[in-house]
């Protein structure tokens, strides 16, 4: 019985695919339910200091293993973590 893992079903915040996972072991991302973005992210994709009230109301959303693997492969292929630049792109 000790080998059994509690399973639940939910949607991946990234790809919206439904998957089963162990809530104690799944990768999560903190999401503000008002904006549906991580605290401190803007709708333009830029970063700003997260407001304490945004962090307080935020909840952990699960990320499926496929999306976690894609992020890891991206980091390995580019040798850098993902970056969120301003949108629209700046023109010189």
N, C-alpha and C. Protein backbone atom coordinates (compact mmCIF):
# COMPACT_ATOMS: atom_id res chain seq x y z
N UNK A 1 0.80 -1.19 0.00
CA UNK A 1 0.00 0.00 0.00
C UNK A 1 0.85 1.26 0.00
N UNK A 2 2.07 1.19 0.51
CA UNK A 2 2.92 2.39 0.57
C UNK A 2 3.35 2.84 -0.82
N UNK A 3 3.31 1.94 -1.82
CA UNK A 3 3.71 2.30 -3.17
C UNK A 3 2.63 3.05 -3.93
N UNK A 4 1.41 3.06 -3.42
CA UNK A 4 0.33 3.73 -4.12
C UNK A 4 0.49 5.24 -4.01
N UNK A 5 0.19 5.92 -5.12
CA UNK A 5 0.24 7.38 -5.15
C UNK A 5 -1.18 7.89 -5.32
N UNK A 6 -1.50 8.95 -4.61
CA UNK A 6 -2.81 9.57 -4.77
C UNK A 6 -2.87 10.18 -6.16
N UNK A 7 -3.89 9.85 -6.92
CA UNK A 7 -4.03 10.37 -8.27
C UNK A 7 -5.23 11.30 -8.33
N UNK A 8 -5.08 12.34 -9.10
CA UNK A 8 -6.18 13.25 -9.40
C UNK A 8 -6.09 13.62 -10.86
N UNK A 9 -7.13 14.16 -11.39
CA UNK A 9 -7.15 14.56 -12.79
C UNK A 9 -7.35 16.06 -12.85
N UNK A 10 -6.62 16.69 -13.75
CA UNK A 10 -6.74 18.13 -13.93
C UNK A 10 -6.23 18.53 -15.30
N UNK A 11 -6.30 19.83 -15.57
CA UNK A 11 -5.86 20.36 -16.86
C UNK A 11 -4.51 21.03 -16.71
N UNK A 12 -3.65 20.78 -17.70
CA UNK A 12 -2.34 21.44 -17.73
C UNK A 12 -2.57 22.92 -18.00
N UNK A 13 -1.95 23.77 -17.20
CA UNK A 13 -2.13 25.21 -17.39
C UNK A 13 -1.56 25.67 -18.73
N UNK A 14 -0.55 25.00 -19.23
CA UNK A 14 0.11 25.42 -20.46
C UNK A 14 -0.64 24.97 -21.71
N UNK A 15 -0.85 23.66 -21.86
CA UNK A 15 -1.44 23.14 -23.10
C UNK A 15 -2.93 22.84 -22.97
N UNK A 16 -3.47 22.92 -21.77
CA UNK A 16 -4.89 22.69 -21.47
C UNK A 16 -5.33 21.23 -21.64
N UNK A 17 -4.37 20.31 -21.79
CA UNK A 17 -4.68 18.89 -21.91
C UNK A 17 -5.03 18.33 -20.53
N UNK A 18 -6.02 17.46 -20.46
CA UNK A 18 -6.39 16.80 -19.21
C UNK A 18 -5.44 15.63 -18.97
N UNK A 19 -4.92 15.52 -17.75
CA UNK A 19 -4.01 14.44 -17.42
C UNK A 19 -4.15 14.07 -15.95
N UNK A 20 -3.73 12.86 -15.62
CA UNK A 20 -3.76 12.38 -14.24
C UNK A 20 -2.40 12.61 -13.62
N UNK A 21 -2.38 12.96 -12.34
CA UNK A 21 -1.12 13.26 -11.67
C UNK A 21 -1.25 13.08 -10.16
N UNK A 22 -0.10 12.96 -9.53
CA UNK A 22 -0.01 12.92 -8.08
C UNK A 22 0.19 14.35 -7.61
N UNK A 23 -0.75 14.92 -6.86
CA UNK A 23 -0.64 16.32 -6.45
C UNK A 23 0.63 16.65 -5.67
N UNK A 24 1.24 15.64 -5.03
CA UNK A 24 2.45 15.89 -4.26
C UNK A 24 3.69 15.95 -5.14
N UNK A 25 3.60 15.42 -6.38
CA UNK A 25 4.79 15.32 -7.21
C UNK A 25 4.72 16.09 -8.53
N UNK A 26 3.56 16.64 -8.89
CA UNK A 26 3.41 17.31 -10.17
C UNK A 26 4.12 18.68 -10.15
N UNK A 27 4.67 19.07 -11.30
CA UNK A 27 5.25 20.41 -11.44
C UNK A 27 4.09 21.39 -11.49
N UNK A 28 4.26 22.53 -10.82
CA UNK A 28 3.21 23.54 -10.81
C UNK A 28 3.80 24.91 -11.10
N UNK A 29 2.90 25.84 -11.43
CA UNK A 29 3.28 27.23 -11.61
C UNK A 29 2.24 28.06 -10.86
N UNK A 30 2.71 29.11 -10.19
CA UNK A 30 1.83 29.98 -9.44
C UNK A 30 1.09 30.90 -10.40
N UNK A 31 -0.24 30.90 -10.35
CA UNK A 31 -1.07 31.67 -11.28
C UNK A 31 -2.05 32.54 -10.50
N UNK A 32 -2.14 33.80 -10.91
CA UNK A 32 -3.11 34.74 -10.36
C UNK A 32 -4.44 34.49 -11.07
N UNK A 33 -5.51 34.08 -10.35
CA UNK A 33 -6.77 33.77 -11.02
C UNK A 33 -7.44 34.98 -11.69
N UNK A 34 -7.10 36.18 -11.27
CA UNK A 34 -7.70 37.37 -11.91
C UNK A 34 -7.11 37.63 -13.29
N UNK A 35 -5.82 37.39 -13.46
CA UNK A 35 -5.17 37.67 -14.74
C UNK A 35 -4.90 36.40 -15.55
N UNK A 36 -4.92 35.23 -14.90
CA UNK A 36 -4.54 33.94 -15.50
C UNK A 36 -3.08 33.93 -15.93
N UNK A 37 -2.27 34.76 -15.28
CA UNK A 37 -0.83 34.84 -15.53
C UNK A 37 -0.09 34.69 -14.20
N UNK A 38 1.18 34.34 -14.24
CA UNK A 38 1.96 34.33 -12.99
C UNK A 38 2.02 35.74 -12.41
N UNK A 39 2.04 35.88 -11.09
CA UNK A 39 2.15 37.21 -10.50
C UNK A 39 3.40 37.92 -11.01
N UNK A 40 3.23 39.17 -11.39
CA UNK A 40 4.35 39.94 -11.90
C UNK A 40 4.46 39.96 -13.41
N UNK A 41 3.74 39.08 -14.11
CA UNK A 41 3.72 39.10 -15.57
C UNK A 41 2.63 40.06 -16.04
N UNK A 42 2.90 40.76 -17.14
CA UNK A 42 1.88 41.62 -17.73
C UNK A 42 1.31 40.94 -18.96
N UNK A 43 0.19 41.46 -19.47
CA UNK A 43 -0.41 40.87 -20.67
C UNK A 43 0.49 41.09 -21.88
N UNK A 44 1.44 42.00 -21.79
CA UNK A 44 2.38 42.23 -22.88
C UNK A 44 3.59 41.31 -22.81
N UNK A 45 3.65 40.48 -21.77
CA UNK A 45 4.75 39.53 -21.64
C UNK A 45 5.96 40.09 -20.93
N UNK A 46 5.83 41.25 -20.32
CA UNK A 46 6.94 41.84 -19.59
C UNK A 46 6.80 41.49 -18.11
N UNK A 47 7.86 41.72 -17.37
CA UNK A 47 7.86 41.45 -15.93
C UNK A 47 7.84 42.74 -15.15
N UNK A 48 7.21 42.69 -14.00
CA UNK A 48 7.20 43.80 -13.05
C UNK A 48 7.18 43.18 -11.66
N UNK A 49 7.49 43.95 -10.63
CA UNK A 49 7.42 43.38 -9.28
C UNK A 49 6.00 42.89 -8.98
N UNK A 50 5.90 41.70 -8.44
CA UNK A 50 4.59 41.14 -8.11
C UNK A 50 4.02 41.83 -6.88
N UNK A 51 2.76 42.21 -6.96
CA UNK A 51 2.10 42.84 -5.81
C UNK A 51 1.77 41.77 -4.78
N UNK A 52 1.91 42.09 -3.49
CA UNK A 52 1.63 41.09 -2.45
C UNK A 52 0.23 40.51 -2.54
N UNK A 53 -0.77 41.32 -2.88
CA UNK A 53 -2.14 40.81 -2.96
C UNK A 53 -2.30 39.85 -4.14
N UNK A 54 -1.55 40.05 -5.23
CA UNK A 54 -1.60 39.13 -6.36
C UNK A 54 -0.99 37.79 -5.96
N UNK A 55 0.10 37.81 -5.22
CA UNK A 55 0.73 36.57 -4.76
C UNK A 55 -0.19 35.86 -3.77
N UNK A 56 -0.85 36.61 -2.89
CA UNK A 56 -1.72 36.02 -1.87
C UNK A 56 -2.91 35.29 -2.49
N UNK A 57 -3.46 35.82 -3.57
CA UNK A 57 -4.64 35.19 -4.17
C UNK A 57 -4.27 34.12 -5.21
N UNK A 58 -3.00 33.99 -5.54
CA UNK A 58 -2.56 33.05 -6.56
C UNK A 58 -2.61 31.61 -6.07
N UNK A 59 -2.77 30.69 -7.02
CA UNK A 59 -2.84 29.27 -6.71
C UNK A 59 -1.87 28.51 -7.61
N UNK A 60 -1.45 27.34 -7.14
CA UNK A 60 -0.58 26.48 -7.94
C UNK A 60 -1.40 25.75 -8.99
N UNK A 61 -1.01 25.87 -10.25
CA UNK A 61 -1.67 25.17 -11.36
C UNK A 61 -0.72 24.08 -11.86
N UNK A 62 -1.24 22.87 -12.16
CA UNK A 62 -0.37 21.78 -12.61
C UNK A 62 0.11 21.98 -14.05
N UNK A 63 1.31 21.46 -14.32
CA UNK A 63 1.90 21.44 -15.66
C UNK A 63 2.15 19.97 -16.01
N UNK A 64 1.69 19.55 -17.20
CA UNK A 64 1.82 18.13 -17.58
C UNK A 64 3.28 17.79 -17.88
N UNK A 65 3.63 16.52 -17.79
CA UNK A 65 5.01 16.09 -18.06
C UNK A 65 5.49 16.44 -19.47
N UNK A 66 4.59 16.41 -20.47
CA UNK A 66 5.00 16.77 -21.83
C UNK A 66 5.47 18.23 -21.90
N UNK A 67 4.75 19.14 -21.26
CA UNK A 67 5.14 20.55 -21.27
C UNK A 67 6.43 20.77 -20.49
N UNK A 68 6.60 20.04 -19.39
CA UNK A 68 7.84 20.14 -18.61
C UNK A 68 9.02 19.66 -19.47
N UNK A 69 8.83 18.55 -20.19
CA UNK A 69 9.89 18.03 -21.08
C UNK A 69 10.21 19.02 -22.19
N UNK A 70 9.20 19.64 -22.78
CA UNK A 70 9.43 20.64 -23.84
C UNK A 70 10.24 21.81 -23.30
N UNK A 71 9.93 22.26 -22.10
CA UNK A 71 10.67 23.38 -21.50
C UNK A 71 12.12 22.98 -21.25
N UNK A 72 12.33 21.76 -20.75
CA UNK A 72 13.70 21.29 -20.50
C UNK A 72 14.49 21.17 -21.80
N UNK A 73 13.83 20.65 -22.86
CA UNK A 73 14.51 20.55 -24.16
C UNK A 73 14.84 21.94 -24.71
N UNK A 74 13.95 22.90 -24.53
CA UNK A 74 14.21 24.26 -24.99
C UNK A 74 15.45 24.82 -24.31
N UNK A 75 15.53 24.63 -22.99
CA UNK A 75 16.68 25.13 -22.24
C UNK A 75 17.96 24.45 -22.71
N UNK A 76 17.90 23.12 -22.95
CA UNK A 76 19.09 22.40 -23.43
C UNK A 76 19.50 22.85 -24.82
N UNK A 77 18.52 23.04 -25.71
CA UNK A 77 18.82 23.42 -27.09
C UNK A 77 19.36 24.84 -27.22
N UNK A 78 18.87 25.75 -26.39
CA UNK A 78 19.27 27.15 -26.51
C UNK A 78 20.32 27.56 -25.48
N UNK A 79 20.59 26.69 -24.53
CA UNK A 79 21.53 26.98 -23.43
C UNK A 79 21.12 28.22 -22.63
N UNK A 80 19.82 28.49 -22.60
CA UNK A 80 19.32 29.59 -21.79
C UNK A 80 17.86 29.33 -21.43
N UNK A 81 17.41 29.84 -20.31
CA UNK A 81 16.00 29.65 -19.95
C UNK A 81 15.12 30.50 -20.86
N UNK A 82 13.82 30.19 -20.92
CA UNK A 82 12.91 31.01 -21.72
C UNK A 82 12.93 32.45 -21.24
N UNK A 83 12.77 33.36 -22.16
CA UNK A 83 12.74 34.78 -21.80
C UNK A 83 11.47 35.39 -22.37
N UNK A 84 10.87 36.25 -21.59
CA UNK A 84 9.65 36.92 -22.02
C UNK A 84 10.01 38.36 -22.33
N UNK A 85 10.03 38.68 -23.60
CA UNK A 85 10.36 40.03 -24.02
C UNK A 85 9.08 40.81 -24.26
N UNK A 86 9.22 42.08 -24.41
CA UNK A 86 8.06 42.93 -24.64
C UNK A 86 7.35 42.55 -25.93
N UNK A 87 6.05 42.73 -25.94
CA UNK A 87 5.26 42.53 -27.13
C UNK A 87 4.45 43.78 -27.37
N UNK A 88 4.39 44.31 -28.54
CA UNK A 88 5.01 43.82 -29.76
C UNK A 88 6.52 44.05 -29.74
N UNK A 89 7.25 43.33 -30.59
CA UNK A 89 8.70 43.48 -30.60
C UNK A 89 9.09 44.92 -30.93
N UNK A 90 10.15 45.35 -30.30
CA UNK A 90 10.65 46.71 -30.58
C UNK A 90 11.39 46.71 -31.90
N UNK A 91 11.20 47.76 -32.64
CA UNK A 91 11.93 47.91 -33.92
C UNK A 91 13.02 48.94 -33.73
N UNK A 92 14.18 48.69 -34.35
CA UNK A 92 15.30 49.63 -34.22
C UNK A 92 15.20 50.72 -35.26
